[in-house]
Protein backbone atom coordinates (compact mmCIF):
# COMPACT_ATOMS: atom_id res chain seq x y z
CA MET A 1 75.54 -74.78 54.71
CA ILE A 2 71.76 -74.59 54.73
CA ASN A 3 70.22 -73.55 51.42
CA PHE A 4 67.77 -70.91 52.52
CA GLU A 5 66.95 -69.59 49.08
CA ASN A 6 64.25 -72.25 48.63
CA ASN A 7 62.96 -71.86 52.17
CA PRO A 8 60.69 -68.81 52.57
CA LEU A 9 61.07 -68.73 56.37
CA LEU A 10 64.85 -68.73 56.26
CA ASP A 11 64.96 -66.33 53.34
CA LYS A 12 62.69 -63.83 55.11
CA THR A 13 64.33 -64.17 58.53
CA VAL A 14 67.82 -63.62 57.09
CA GLN A 15 66.68 -60.47 55.30
CA PHE A 16 64.81 -59.33 58.40
CA SER A 17 67.89 -59.88 60.56
CA LEU A 18 70.02 -57.82 58.19
CA ASP A 19 67.41 -55.05 58.21
CA ILE A 20 67.13 -55.19 62.02
CA ILE A 21 70.91 -54.84 62.32
CA GLU A 22 70.78 -51.72 60.15
CA PHE A 23 67.84 -50.26 62.11
CA CYS A 24 69.55 -50.96 65.44
CA GLU A 25 72.64 -49.16 64.20
CA LEU A 26 70.38 -46.16 63.55
CA LEU A 27 68.95 -46.48 67.07
CA ASP A 28 72.49 -46.57 68.45
CA GLU A 29 73.37 -43.43 66.51
CA LYS A 30 70.38 -41.75 68.15
CA ARG A 31 71.57 -43.04 71.54
CA LYS A 32 68.55 -45.34 71.99
CA PHE A 33 70.80 -48.09 73.33
CA VAL A 34 68.40 -50.07 75.52
CA ILE A 35 65.78 -50.75 72.88
CA ALA A 36 68.45 -51.17 70.20
CA LYS A 37 70.05 -53.96 72.22
CA GLN A 38 66.73 -55.69 72.98
CA LEU A 39 65.50 -55.40 69.40
CA LEU A 40 68.78 -56.67 67.98
CA ARG A 41 68.69 -59.73 70.23
CA SER A 42 65.06 -60.71 69.68
CA GLY A 43 64.96 -59.76 66.00
CA THR A 44 67.98 -61.83 65.03
CA SER A 45 66.97 -64.70 67.31
CA ILE A 46 63.93 -65.42 65.13
CA GLY A 47 66.17 -66.44 62.25
CA ALA A 48 68.68 -68.21 64.48
CA ASN A 49 65.95 -70.47 65.84
CA ALA A 50 64.50 -71.04 62.37
CA PHE A 51 67.96 -72.11 61.21
CA GLU A 52 68.35 -74.42 64.21
CA ALA A 53 64.98 -75.98 63.42
CA GLN A 54 66.33 -77.14 60.05
CA ASN A 55 68.42 -79.84 61.72
CA PRO A 56 66.23 -81.14 64.55
CA HIS A 57 66.87 -84.19 66.69
CA SER A 58 63.16 -85.00 66.60
CA LYS A 59 59.79 -83.58 65.61
CA ASN A 60 59.43 -82.21 69.14
CA ASP A 61 62.80 -80.50 68.84
CA PHE A 62 61.67 -78.91 65.56
CA ILE A 63 58.41 -77.71 67.12
CA ASN A 64 60.28 -76.36 70.16
CA LYS A 65 62.66 -74.31 67.98
CA ILE A 66 59.76 -72.90 65.96
CA LYS A 67 57.92 -72.05 69.21
CA ILE A 68 61.00 -70.18 70.43
CA ALA A 69 61.14 -68.33 67.10
CA ALA A 70 57.47 -67.40 67.62
CA LYS A 71 58.20 -66.07 71.11
CA GLU A 72 61.11 -64.01 69.80
CA LEU A 73 58.85 -62.74 67.02
CA GLU A 74 56.30 -61.51 69.56
CA GLU A 75 59.01 -59.80 71.60
CA THR A 76 60.33 -58.13 68.46
CA LYS A 77 56.82 -56.92 67.62
CA TYR A 78 56.70 -55.33 71.08
CA TRP A 79 59.95 -53.39 70.61
CA LEU A 80 58.87 -52.27 67.15
CA TYR A 81 55.51 -51.19 68.59
CA LEU A 82 57.32 -49.04 71.15
CA CYS A 83 59.41 -47.42 68.44
CA LYS A 84 56.34 -46.80 66.30
CA ASN A 85 54.39 -45.20 69.12
CA SER A 86 57.19 -43.22 70.74
CA LYS A 87 57.53 -39.56 69.88
CA THR A 88 61.31 -39.70 70.16
CA TYR A 89 62.19 -42.96 68.35
CA PRO A 90 62.59 -43.62 64.65
CA PHE A 91 60.39 -46.27 63.05
CA ASN A 92 60.74 -48.41 59.95
CA GLU A 93 57.44 -49.56 58.43
CA ARG A 94 59.24 -52.14 56.30
CA LEU A 95 60.28 -53.99 59.46
CA GLU A 96 56.66 -54.06 60.60
CA ASN A 97 55.59 -55.55 57.26
CA GLN A 98 58.39 -58.11 57.35
CA ILE A 99 57.57 -59.26 60.89
CA THR A 100 53.92 -59.71 59.89
CA GLU A 101 54.91 -61.92 56.95
CA ILE A 102 57.34 -63.94 59.05
CA GLY A 103 54.64 -64.40 61.69
CA LYS A 104 52.23 -65.82 59.12
CA ILE A 105 54.83 -68.39 58.07
CA ILE A 106 55.84 -69.34 61.62
CA TYR A 107 52.28 -69.75 62.86
CA LYS A 108 51.35 -71.79 59.78
CA ILE A 109 54.34 -74.07 60.38
CA LEU A 110 53.34 -74.49 64.02
CA SER A 111 49.72 -75.18 63.15
CA THR A 112 50.69 -77.80 60.55
CA SER A 113 53.35 -79.40 62.75
CA LEU A 114 51.07 -79.73 65.74
CA LYS A 115 48.34 -81.41 63.65
CA ASN A 116 50.63 -84.12 62.26
């Protein structure tokens, strides 16, 4: 089992995934199924790819997994943006703050990895 307690990216993506699951359950209760499904997939995929990156076959494999996590992060930001700006959807500001923090970590990892 991967020890994610000493890894800020894994720690934050696990908590974010758990919070996304809870928020998507709220969306489902409000019958907002389409965005709930999309948000659940992209939001939890960030952490899944970060976890996969912990056991890469090569440096390129690591970078590829982190790039996929970054793409999923951007998609998740889109769905959260729609919720925030819709008059009929709930919004959770904590998720927005979490995704910003995760983005900072992911883009720093990418920047550092691509330099080395």
